[in-house]
Amino acid sequence: MTLRAPSFAFLFALTLLLPAVGYAAGEERYGFEGQFLGYDEARNVFKIKVTKPKVSGGFGTGGVAGKPAKDLEKGQEVEFEVVPEGSVLRRTVIKASSGGGLDTTGTKDGFKKAVASIPTDQDVVFSFEKNKNTTVAPYLMKMVQIRLTPEEVNERLRAAGIDPEEIEEEGGEE
């Protein structure tokens, strides 16, 4: 029996199951809408401004964000620890509204390129958990879901000086 690397389709399907896996394991998942303020790469921290403590329905929500956190309020600026590298089960996932992960490399460089596509001028859906490592930030970001079409994501990548084809080439099979 020969073992093959998992296909992109398998990894993509796995990312869709992540919220269900988290819930089954008993971890509390929370969600909100907010504006991305920045990424402190040295500390592995996102800074986010809460615009809607509860995720609204409609295009791009995917129903995966989780319930609202009682301790987050509209207008609050909060830091979230992120995991930029590692397996798809462990790292912070950045997705387009169409469901595809923008980083399939599992590397810090791939994550940084995906971060460049997060809009700062409109709300994004964030899904997180309470952080067990509270020395970094009180929360751990599990997923960012960008409510943009694939064309809008590609245009933002080009504006940031990144060729969208380069991401797809790096993202192939793991």
N, C-alpha and C. Protein backbone atom coordinates (compact mmCIF):
# COMPACT_ATOMS: atom_id res chain seq x y z
N MET A 1 0.84 -1.19 0.00
CA MET A 1 0.00 0.00 0.00
C MET A 1 0.88 1.24 0.00
N THR A 2 0.67 2.13 -0.96
CA THR A 2 1.45 3.35 -1.02
C THR A 2 0.65 4.50 -0.44
N LEU A 3 1.33 5.40 0.25
CA LEU A 3 0.68 6.57 0.82
C LEU A 3 0.95 7.76 -0.09
N ARG A 4 -0.09 8.54 -0.34
CA ARG A 4 0.06 9.72 -1.16
C ARG A 4 -0.21 10.95 -0.32
N ALA A 5 0.29 12.09 -0.75
CA ALA A 5 0.00 13.35 -0.07
C ALA A 5 -1.50 13.62 -0.21
N PRO A 6 -2.11 14.22 0.79
CA PRO A 6 -3.54 14.51 0.69
C PRO A 6 -3.82 15.52 -0.41
N SER A 7 -4.89 15.35 -1.11
CA SER A 7 -5.24 16.26 -2.18
C SER A 7 -5.78 17.56 -1.62
N PHE A 8 -5.73 18.60 -2.44
CA PHE A 8 -6.28 19.89 -2.04
C PHE A 8 -7.77 19.75 -1.70
N ALA A 9 -8.50 18.95 -2.48
CA ALA A 9 -9.94 18.76 -2.23
C ALA A 9 -10.17 18.17 -0.85
N PHE A 10 -9.32 17.20 -0.47
CA PHE A 10 -9.45 16.61 0.86
C PHE A 10 -9.18 17.64 1.95
N LEU A 11 -8.10 18.44 1.77
CA LEU A 11 -7.76 19.45 2.78
C LEU A 11 -8.84 20.53 2.85
N PHE A 12 -9.40 20.90 1.69
CA PHE A 12 -10.49 21.87 1.67
C PHE A 12 -11.70 21.34 2.42
N ALA A 13 -12.07 20.09 2.18
CA ALA A 13 -13.19 19.48 2.89
C ALA A 13 -12.93 19.44 4.38
N LEU A 14 -11.70 19.20 4.75
CA LEU A 14 -11.33 19.15 6.16
C LEU A 14 -11.51 20.52 6.82
N THR A 15 -11.18 21.61 6.09
CA THR A 15 -11.35 22.95 6.67
C THR A 15 -12.82 23.26 6.89
N LEU A 16 -13.69 22.70 6.06
CA LEU A 16 -15.12 22.91 6.27
C LEU A 16 -15.62 22.18 7.50
N LEU A 17 -14.94 21.11 7.88
CA LEU A 17 -15.33 20.34 9.04
C LEU A 17 -14.74 20.87 10.34
N LEU A 18 -13.78 21.77 10.27
CA LEU A 18 -13.11 22.26 11.47
C LEU A 18 -14.06 22.77 12.55
N PRO A 19 -15.04 23.60 12.20
CA PRO A 19 -15.93 24.05 13.27
C PRO A 19 -16.65 22.90 13.96
N ALA A 20 -17.09 21.93 13.19
CA ALA A 20 -17.78 20.79 13.79
C ALA A 20 -16.85 19.99 14.68
N VAL A 21 -15.59 19.86 14.27
CA VAL A 21 -14.62 19.14 15.08
C VAL A 21 -14.41 19.89 16.39
N GLY A 22 -14.28 21.22 16.32
CA GLY A 22 -14.08 22.03 17.53
C GLY A 22 -15.25 21.89 18.48
N TYR A 23 -16.45 21.94 17.96
CA TYR A 23 -17.62 21.81 18.82
C TYR A 23 -17.69 20.42 19.45
N ALA A 24 -17.39 19.39 18.67
CA ALA A 24 -17.45 18.03 19.18
C ALA A 24 -16.45 17.82 20.29
N ALA A 25 -15.32 18.50 20.21
CA ALA A 25 -14.28 18.35 21.24
C ALA A 25 -14.62 19.15 22.49
N GLY A 26 -15.72 19.89 22.47
CA GLY A 26 -16.15 20.63 23.64
C GLY A 26 -15.56 22.02 23.75
N GLU A 27 -14.81 22.48 22.75
CA GLU A 27 -14.27 23.82 22.78
C GLU A 27 -15.34 24.81 22.35
N GLU A 28 -15.44 25.90 23.09
CA GLU A 28 -16.45 26.91 22.81
C GLU A 28 -15.96 27.82 21.69
N ARG A 29 -16.72 27.91 20.60
CA ARG A 29 -16.36 28.74 19.46
C ARG A 29 -17.25 29.98 19.48
N TYR A 30 -16.63 31.15 19.28
CA TYR A 30 -17.35 32.42 19.27
C TYR A 30 -17.12 33.11 17.94
N GLY A 31 -18.00 34.06 17.61
CA GLY A 31 -17.83 34.78 16.36
C GLY A 31 -18.35 36.20 16.44
N PHE A 32 -17.83 37.06 15.59
CA PHE A 32 -18.28 38.44 15.49
C PHE A 32 -17.84 38.98 14.14
N GLU A 33 -18.32 40.16 13.82
CA GLU A 33 -17.87 40.86 12.63
C GLU A 33 -17.02 42.04 13.08
N GLY A 34 -15.98 42.30 12.32
CA GLY A 34 -15.12 43.40 12.71
C GLY A 34 -14.22 43.86 11.59
N GLN A 35 -13.44 44.88 11.90
CA GLN A 35 -12.50 45.42 10.94
C GLN A 35 -11.09 45.02 11.36
N PHE A 36 -10.37 44.52 10.40
CA PHE A 36 -8.98 44.13 10.60
C PHE A 36 -8.13 45.39 10.71
N LEU A 37 -7.42 45.56 11.83
CA LEU A 37 -6.59 46.75 12.05
C LEU A 37 -5.11 46.48 11.80
N GLY A 38 -4.70 45.22 11.92
CA GLY A 38 -3.29 44.95 11.66
C GLY A 38 -2.82 43.61 12.18
N TYR A 39 -1.61 43.26 11.75
CA TYR A 39 -0.99 41.99 12.10
C TYR A 39 0.40 42.28 12.67
N ASP A 40 0.60 41.94 13.93
CA ASP A 40 1.91 42.05 14.56
C ASP A 40 2.59 40.70 14.36
N GLU A 41 3.40 40.60 13.31
CA GLU A 41 4.01 39.33 12.94
C GLU A 41 4.97 38.82 14.02
N ALA A 42 5.66 39.73 14.68
CA ALA A 42 6.62 39.33 15.72
C ALA A 42 5.93 38.66 16.91
N ARG A 43 4.73 39.11 17.23
CA ARG A 43 3.99 38.56 18.37
C ARG A 43 2.94 37.53 17.96
N ASN A 44 2.70 37.35 16.64
CA ASN A 44 1.62 36.49 16.14
C ASN A 44 0.27 36.94 16.70
N VAL A 45 -0.04 38.21 16.47
CA VAL A 45 -1.26 38.81 17.01
C VAL A 45 -1.95 39.63 15.93
N PHE A 46 -3.28 39.45 15.83
CA PHE A 46 -4.14 40.33 15.03
C PHE A 46 -4.76 41.35 15.96
N LYS A 47 -4.91 42.58 15.47
CA LYS A 47 -5.68 43.58 16.19
C LYS A 47 -6.94 43.82 15.38
N ILE A 48 -8.09 43.71 16.06
CA ILE A 48 -9.39 43.78 15.40
C ILE A 48 -10.29 44.75 16.15
N LYS A 49 -11.10 45.50 15.41
CA LYS A 49 -12.12 46.36 16.01
C LYS A 49 -13.47 45.68 15.81
N VAL A 50 -14.19 45.44 16.89
CA VAL A 50 -15.51 44.79 16.83
C VAL A 50 -16.52 45.80 16.27
N THR A 51 -17.19 45.43 15.17
CA THR A 51 -18.24 46.29 14.63
C THR A 51 -19.64 45.71 14.88
N LYS A 52 -19.73 44.39 14.93
CA LYS A 52 -21.00 43.72 15.24
C LYS A 52 -20.67 42.50 16.11
N PRO A 53 -21.05 42.53 17.38
CA PRO A 53 -20.73 41.41 18.26
C PRO A 53 -21.36 40.08 17.85
N LYS A 54 -22.37 40.14 16.98
CA LYS A 54 -23.01 38.92 16.49
C LYS A 54 -22.90 38.90 14.97
N VAL A 55 -22.57 37.74 14.41
CA VAL A 55 -22.44 37.61 12.96
C VAL A 55 -23.82 37.66 12.34
N SER A 56 -23.99 38.56 11.35
CA SER A 56 -25.26 38.65 10.66
C SER A 56 -25.30 37.60 9.56
N GLY A 57 -26.50 37.22 9.15
CA GLY A 57 -26.66 36.20 8.12
C GLY A 57 -26.33 36.74 6.76
N GLY A 58 -26.53 35.92 5.77
CA GLY A 58 -26.33 36.35 4.40
C GLY A 58 -25.06 35.81 3.79
N PHE A 59 -24.71 36.36 2.66
CA PHE A 59 -23.59 35.91 1.84
C PHE A 59 -22.29 35.93 2.65
N GLY A 60 -21.59 34.84 2.62
CA GLY A 60 -20.26 34.80 3.19
C GLY A 60 -20.17 34.47 4.66
N THR A 61 -21.25 34.15 5.33
CA THR A 61 -21.14 33.82 6.75
C THR A 61 -20.81 32.36 6.96
N GLY A 62 -21.36 31.50 6.14
CA GLY A 62 -21.04 30.09 6.22
C GLY A 62 -21.56 29.39 7.46
N GLY A 63 -22.14 30.14 8.39
CA GLY A 63 -22.67 29.53 9.61
C GLY A 63 -21.60 28.91 10.48
N VAL A 64 -20.35 29.35 10.35
CA VAL A 64 -19.27 28.70 11.07
C VAL A 64 -18.65 29.56 12.17
N ALA A 65 -19.13 30.76 12.34
CA ALA A 65 -18.47 31.68 13.26
C ALA A 65 -18.69 31.32 14.72
N GLY A 66 -19.85 30.86 15.08
CA GLY A 66 -20.14 30.58 16.48
C GLY A 66 -20.98 31.68 17.10
N LYS A 67 -21.32 31.47 18.36
CA LYS A 67 -22.19 32.43 19.04
C LYS A 67 -21.40 33.67 19.47
N PRO A 68 -22.10 34.76 19.78
CA PRO A 68 -21.39 35.97 20.20
C PRO A 68 -20.74 35.78 21.58
N ALA A 69 -19.60 36.40 21.78
CA ALA A 69 -18.93 36.38 23.08
C ALA A 69 -19.53 37.48 23.95
N LYS A 70 -19.87 37.16 25.17
CA LYS A 70 -20.53 38.13 26.05
C LYS A 70 -19.62 39.29 26.46
N ASP A 71 -18.29 39.09 26.37
CA ASP A 71 -17.39 40.13 26.83
C ASP A 71 -16.85 41.04 25.72
N LEU A 72 -17.37 40.91 24.49
CA LEU A 72 -16.97 41.80 23.40
C LEU A 72 -18.12 42.74 23.05
N GLU A 73 -17.77 44.02 22.90
CA GLU A 73 -18.78 45.03 22.61
C GLU A 73 -18.41 45.79 21.34
N LYS A 74 -19.42 46.35 20.71
CA LYS A 74 -19.22 47.15 19.50
C LYS A 74 -18.24 48.29 19.80
N GLY A 75 -17.27 48.48 18.90
CA GLY A 75 -16.29 49.54 19.05
C GLY A 75 -15.03 49.14 19.80
N GLN A 76 -15.07 48.01 20.46
CA GLN A 76 -13.92 47.54 21.24
C GLN A 76 -12.80 47.07 20.31
N GLU A 77 -11.55 47.44 20.65
CA GLU A 77 -10.39 46.95 19.91
C GLU A 77 -9.76 45.83 20.74
N VAL A 78 -9.55 44.68 20.09
CA VAL A 78 -9.11 43.48 20.81
C VAL A 78 -7.96 42.82 20.06
N GLU A 79 -7.05 42.21 20.82
CA GLU A 79 -5.97 41.43 20.24
C GLU A 79 -6.31 39.95 20.29
N PHE A 80 -5.93 39.24 19.22
CA PHE A 80 -6.16 37.81 19.09
C PHE A 80 -4.85 37.15 18.70
N GLU A 81 -4.47 36.11 19.41
CA GLU A 81 -3.31 35.35 19.00
C GLU A 81 -3.67 34.56 17.75
N VAL A 82 -2.72 34.46 16.81
CA VAL A 82 -2.92 33.66 15.60
C VAL A 82 -1.82 32.60 15.53
N VAL A 83 -2.13 31.53 14.83
CA VAL A 83 -1.16 30.46 14.59
C VAL A 83 -0.91 30.47 13.08
N PRO A 84 0.21 31.08 12.64
CA PRO A 84 0.43 31.25 11.21
C PRO A 84 0.92 30.03 10.46
N GLU A 85 1.37 29.01 11.15
CA GLU A 85 1.91 27.86 10.44
C GLU A 85 1.52 26.57 11.13
N GLY A 86 1.69 25.48 10.39
CA GLY A 86 1.38 24.17 10.93
C GLY A 86 0.28 23.50 10.14
N SER A 87 -0.28 22.45 10.72
CA SER A 87 -1.31 21.69 10.03
C SER A 87 -2.61 22.49 9.94
N VAL A 88 -3.44 22.11 9.00
CA VAL A 88 -4.71 22.80 8.81
C VAL A 88 -5.61 22.67 10.04
N LEU A 89 -5.38 21.67 10.85
CA LEU A 89 -6.19 21.49 12.07
C LEU A 89 -5.73 22.42 13.19
N ARG A 90 -4.52 22.93 13.10
CA ARG A 90 -3.95 23.70 14.19
C ARG A 90 -3.85 25.20 13.90
N ARG A 91 -3.56 25.57 12.66
CA ARG A 91 -3.27 26.98 12.37
C ARG A 91 -4.54 27.80 12.17
N THR A 92 -4.37 29.11 12.20
CA THR A 92 -5.45 30.04 11.90
C THR A 92 -5.72 29.99 10.40
N VAL A 93 -6.97 29.81 10.03
CA VAL A 93 -7.37 29.68 8.62
C VAL A 93 -7.95 31.00 8.14
N ILE A 94 -7.50 31.44 6.97
CA ILE A 94 -8.04 32.64 6.32
C ILE A 94 -8.72 32.17 5.05
N LYS A 95 -10.05 32.41 4.96
CA LYS A 95 -10.85 31.88 3.86
C LYS A 95 -11.54 33.00 3.11
N ALA A 96 -11.80 32.75 1.84
CA ALA A 96 -12.67 33.62 1.05
C ALA A 96 -14.11 33.18 1.29
N SER A 97 -15.04 34.04 0.96
CA SER A 97 -16.45 33.71 1.19
C SER A 97 -16.89 32.51 0.38
N SER A 98 -16.17 32.20 -0.69
CA SER A 98 -16.51 31.04 -1.50
C SER A 98 -16.09 29.75 -0.80
N GLY A 99 -15.38 29.87 0.32
CA GLY A 99 -15.02 28.69 1.11
C GLY A 99 -13.59 28.26 0.98
N GLY A 100 -12.88 28.71 -0.03
CA GLY A 100 -11.51 28.26 -0.22
C GLY A 100 -10.53 28.94 0.71
N GLY A 101 -9.61 28.16 1.27
CA GLY A 101 -8.56 28.72 2.10
C GLY A 101 -7.57 29.48 1.23
N LEU A 102 -7.13 30.66 1.69
CA LEU A 102 -6.21 31.48 0.91
C LEU A 102 -4.76 31.09 1.14
N ASP A 103 -4.52 30.24 2.14
CA ASP A 103 -3.16 29.74 2.38
C ASP A 103 -3.25 28.24 2.59
N THR A 104 -2.69 27.50 1.67
CA THR A 104 -2.66 26.04 1.81
C THR A 104 -1.25 25.54 2.04
N THR A 105 -0.31 26.48 2.33
CA THR A 105 1.08 26.10 2.48
C THR A 105 1.42 25.63 3.89
N GLY A 106 0.76 26.22 4.88
CA GLY A 106 1.09 25.91 6.27
C GLY A 106 2.37 26.58 6.73
N THR A 107 2.82 27.61 5.98
CA THR A 107 4.05 28.31 6.32
C THR A 107 3.76 29.75 6.75
N LYS A 108 4.72 30.36 7.44
CA LYS A 108 4.55 31.77 7.84
C LYS A 108 4.45 32.67 6.62
N ASP A 109 5.23 32.38 5.59
CA ASP A 109 5.20 33.20 4.38
C ASP A 109 3.84 33.10 3.69
N GLY A 110 3.29 31.89 3.58
CA GLY A 110 1.97 31.72 2.99
C GLY A 110 0.90 32.44 3.79
N PHE A 111 1.00 32.36 5.11
CA PHE A 111 0.05 33.05 5.99
C PHE A 111 0.13 34.56 5.78
N LYS A 112 1.34 35.09 5.72
CA LYS A 112 1.53 36.52 5.54
C LYS A 112 0.90 37.00 4.23
N LYS A 113 1.03 36.21 3.18
CA LYS A 113 0.41 36.55 1.90
C LYS A 113 -1.12 36.54 2.01
N ALA A 114 -1.67 35.58 2.74
CA ALA A 114 -3.12 35.52 2.93
C ALA A 114 -3.60 36.71 3.75
N VAL A 115 -2.82 37.11 4.76
CA VAL A 115 -3.18 38.26 5.59
C VAL A 115 -3.30 39.52 4.74
N ALA A 116 -2.46 39.64 3.70
CA ALA A 116 -2.50 40.81 2.82
C ALA A 116 -3.84 40.95 2.11
N SER A 117 -4.61 39.89 2.01
CA SER A 117 -5.90 39.95 1.33
C SER A 117 -7.05 40.31 2.26
N ILE A 118 -6.81 40.39 3.56
CA ILE A 118 -7.88 40.74 4.50
C ILE A 118 -8.19 42.22 4.35
N PRO A 119 -9.43 42.57 4.02
CA PRO A 119 -9.76 43.98 3.83
C PRO A 119 -9.73 44.75 5.15
N THR A 120 -9.34 46.02 5.07
CA THR A 120 -9.37 46.90 6.23
C THR A 120 -10.49 47.93 6.11
N ASP A 121 -11.19 47.89 4.99
CA ASP A 121 -12.23 48.88 4.73
C ASP A 121 -13.65 48.32 4.80
N GLN A 122 -13.79 47.08 5.24
CA GLN A 122 -15.12 46.49 5.38
C GLN A 122 -15.08 45.38 6.42
N ASP A 123 -16.25 45.00 6.89
CA ASP A 123 -16.34 43.96 7.92
C ASP A 123 -15.92 42.59 7.41
N VAL A 124 -15.32 41.83 8.31
CA VAL A 124 -14.89 40.46 8.05
C VAL A 124 -15.45 39.62 9.19
N VAL A 125 -15.72 38.35 8.94
CA VAL A 125 -16.22 37.44 9.98
C VAL A 125 -15.03 36.78 10.66
N PHE A 126 -15.03 36.84 11.99
CA PHE A 126 -13.95 36.24 12.77
C PHE A 126 -14.52 35.16 13.68
N SER A 127 -13.83 34.06 13.77
CA SER A 127 -14.22 32.94 14.63
C SER A 127 -13.05 32.65 15.56
N PHE A 128 -13.32 32.55 16.86
CA PHE A 128 -12.23 32.42 17.82
C PHE A 128 -12.65 31.61 19.04
N GLU A 129 -11.67 31.32 19.87
CA GLU A 129 -11.87 30.61 21.13
C GLU A 129 -11.15 31.39 22.22
N LYS A 130 -11.51 31.13 23.45
CA LYS A 130 -10.74 31.67 24.57
C LYS A 130 -9.35 31.08 24.47
N ASN A 131 -8.33 31.88 24.77
CA ASN A 131 -6.95 31.43 24.64
C ASN A 131 -6.45 30.83 25.95
N LYS A 132 -5.94 29.63 25.87
CA LYS A 132 -5.36 28.99 27.06
C LYS A 132 -4.01 29.61 27.39
N ASN A 133 -3.35 30.20 26.39
CA ASN A 133 -2.06 30.87 26.58
C ASN A 133 -2.32 32.38 26.69
N THR A 134 -2.83 32.82 27.82
CA THR A 134 -3.24 34.21 27.97
C THR A 134 -2.09 35.19 28.08
N THR A 135 -0.85 34.72 28.02
CA THR A 135 0.27 35.65 28.06
C THR A 135 0.41 36.42 26.76
N VAL A 136 -0.15 35.92 25.67
CA VAL A 136 -0.05 36.58 24.37
C VAL A 136 -1.27 37.46 24.13
N ALA A 137 -2.44 36.89 24.18
CA ALA A 137 -3.71 37.61 23.97
C ALA A 137 -4.82 36.79 24.61
N PRO A 138 -5.93 37.44 24.97
CA PRO A 138 -7.00 36.71 25.67
C PRO A 138 -7.76 35.71 24.79
N TYR A 139 -7.62 35.86 23.47
CA TYR A 139 -8.37 35.00 22.54
C TYR A 139 -7.44 34.41 21.49
N LEU A 140 -7.86 33.26 20.94
CA LEU A 140 -7.12 32.58 19.88
C LEU A 140 -7.98 32.59 18.62
N MET A 141 -7.49 33.24 17.56
CA MET A 141 -8.22 33.32 16.30
C MET A 141 -8.13 31.98 15.59
N LYS A 142 -9.28 31.39 15.27
CA LYS A 142 -9.33 30.12 14.57
C LYS A 142 -9.54 30.31 13.07
N MET A 143 -10.40 31.29 12.71
CA MET A 143 -10.71 31.45 11.29
C MET A 143 -11.11 32.89 10.99
N VAL A 144 -10.69 33.35 9.82
CA VAL A 144 -11.10 34.64 9.27
C VAL A 144 -11.82 34.33 7.97
N GLN A 145 -13.04 34.84 7.84
CA GLN A 145 -13.78 34.61 6.60
C GLN A 145 -14.04 35.95 5.94
N ILE A 146 -13.43 36.12 4.76
CA ILE A 146 -13.52 37.37 4.02
C ILE A 146 -14.75 37.33 3.13
N ARG A 147 -15.59 38.31 3.27
CA ARG A 147 -16.81 38.38 2.47
C ARG A 147 -16.55 39.10 1.15
N LEU A 148 -15.69 38.52 0.36
CA LEU A 148 -15.37 39.06 -0.96
C LEU A 148 -15.49 37.94 -1.98
N THR A 149 -15.76 38.32 -3.21
CA THR A 149 -15.74 37.33 -4.27
C THR A 149 -14.29 36.98 -4.57
N PRO A 150 -14.04 35.86 -5.22
CA PRO A 150 -12.66 35.52 -5.60
C PRO A 150 -11.98 36.62 -6.43
N GLU A 151 -12.75 37.28 -7.28
CA GLU A 151 -12.19 38.36 -8.09
C GLU A 151 -11.76 39.53 -7.21
N GLU A 152 -12.57 39.88 -6.21
CA GLU A 152 -12.21 40.96 -5.29
C GLU A 152 -10.97 40.60 -4.47
N VAL A 153 -10.87 39.36 -4.04
CA VAL A 153 -9.69 38.91 -3.30
C VAL A 153 -8.45 39.04 -4.18
N ASN A 154 -8.53 38.58 -5.43
CA ASN A 154 -7.39 38.66 -6.35
C ASN A 154 -6.98 40.11 -6.60
N GLU A 155 -7.95 41.00 -6.73
CA GLU A 155 -7.63 42.41 -6.94
C GLU A 155 -6.90 42.99 -5.73
N ARG A 156 -7.31 42.62 -4.53
CA ARG A 156 -6.63 43.11 -3.32
C ARG A 156 -5.21 42.54 -3.23
N LEU A 157 -5.04 41.29 -3.64
CA LEU A 157 -3.70 40.71 -3.64
C LEU A 157 -2.80 41.47 -4.62
N ARG A 158 -3.33 41.77 -5.82
CA ARG A 158 -2.54 42.52 -6.81
C ARG A 158 -2.17 43.90 -6.26
N ALA A 159 -3.12 44.57 -5.59
CA ALA A 159 -2.85 45.89 -5.01
C ALA A 159 -1.77 45.83 -3.94
N ALA A 160 -1.65 44.68 -3.27
CA ALA A 160 -0.62 44.49 -2.24
C ALA A 160 0.70 44.02 -2.85
N GLY A 161 0.75 43.92 -4.19
CA GLY A 161 1.97 43.51 -4.86
C GLY A 161 2.19 42.00 -4.91
N ILE A 162 1.11 41.24 -4.76
CA ILE A 162 1.22 39.78 -4.76
C ILE A 162 0.46 39.25 -5.98
N ASP A 163 1.11 38.38 -6.73
CA ASP A 163 0.48 37.76 -7.88
C ASP A 163 -0.43 36.63 -7.40
N PRO A 164 -1.76 36.71 -7.64
CA PRO A 164 -2.66 35.63 -7.20
C PRO A 164 -2.25 34.26 -7.71
N GLU A 165 -1.66 34.19 -8.90
CA GLU A 165 -1.20 32.91 -9.44
C GLU A 165 -0.11 32.31 -8.56
N GLU A 166 0.71 33.16 -7.96
CA GLU A 166 1.80 32.69 -7.10
C GLU A 166 1.24 31.93 -5.89
N ILE A 167 0.15 32.42 -5.34
CA ILE A 167 -0.47 31.75 -4.19
C ILE A 167 -1.03 30.40 -4.61
N GLU A 168 -1.69 30.33 -5.76
CA GLU A 168 -2.23 29.07 -6.23
C GLU A 168 -1.12 28.07 -6.54
N GLU A 169 0.01 28.57 -7.08
CA GLU A 169 1.13 27.68 -7.38
C GLU A 169 1.71 27.10 -6.11
N GLU A 170 1.88 27.92 -5.06
CA GLU A 170 2.44 27.45 -3.81
C GLU A 170 1.47 26.55 -3.08
N GLY A 171 0.17 26.76 -3.34
CA GLY A 171 -0.85 26.04 -2.57
C GLY A 171 -1.11 24.64 -3.02
N GLY A 172 -0.67 24.23 -4.15
CA GLY A 172 -0.92 22.88 -4.69
C GLY A 172 -1.15 21.82 -3.64
N GLU A 173 -0.65 20.66 -3.84
CA GLU A 173 -0.82 19.58 -2.87
C GLU A 173 0.26 19.66 -1.81
N GLU A 174 -0.11 19.35 -0.58
CA GLU A 174 0.84 19.34 0.53
C GLU A 174 1.51 18.01 0.64
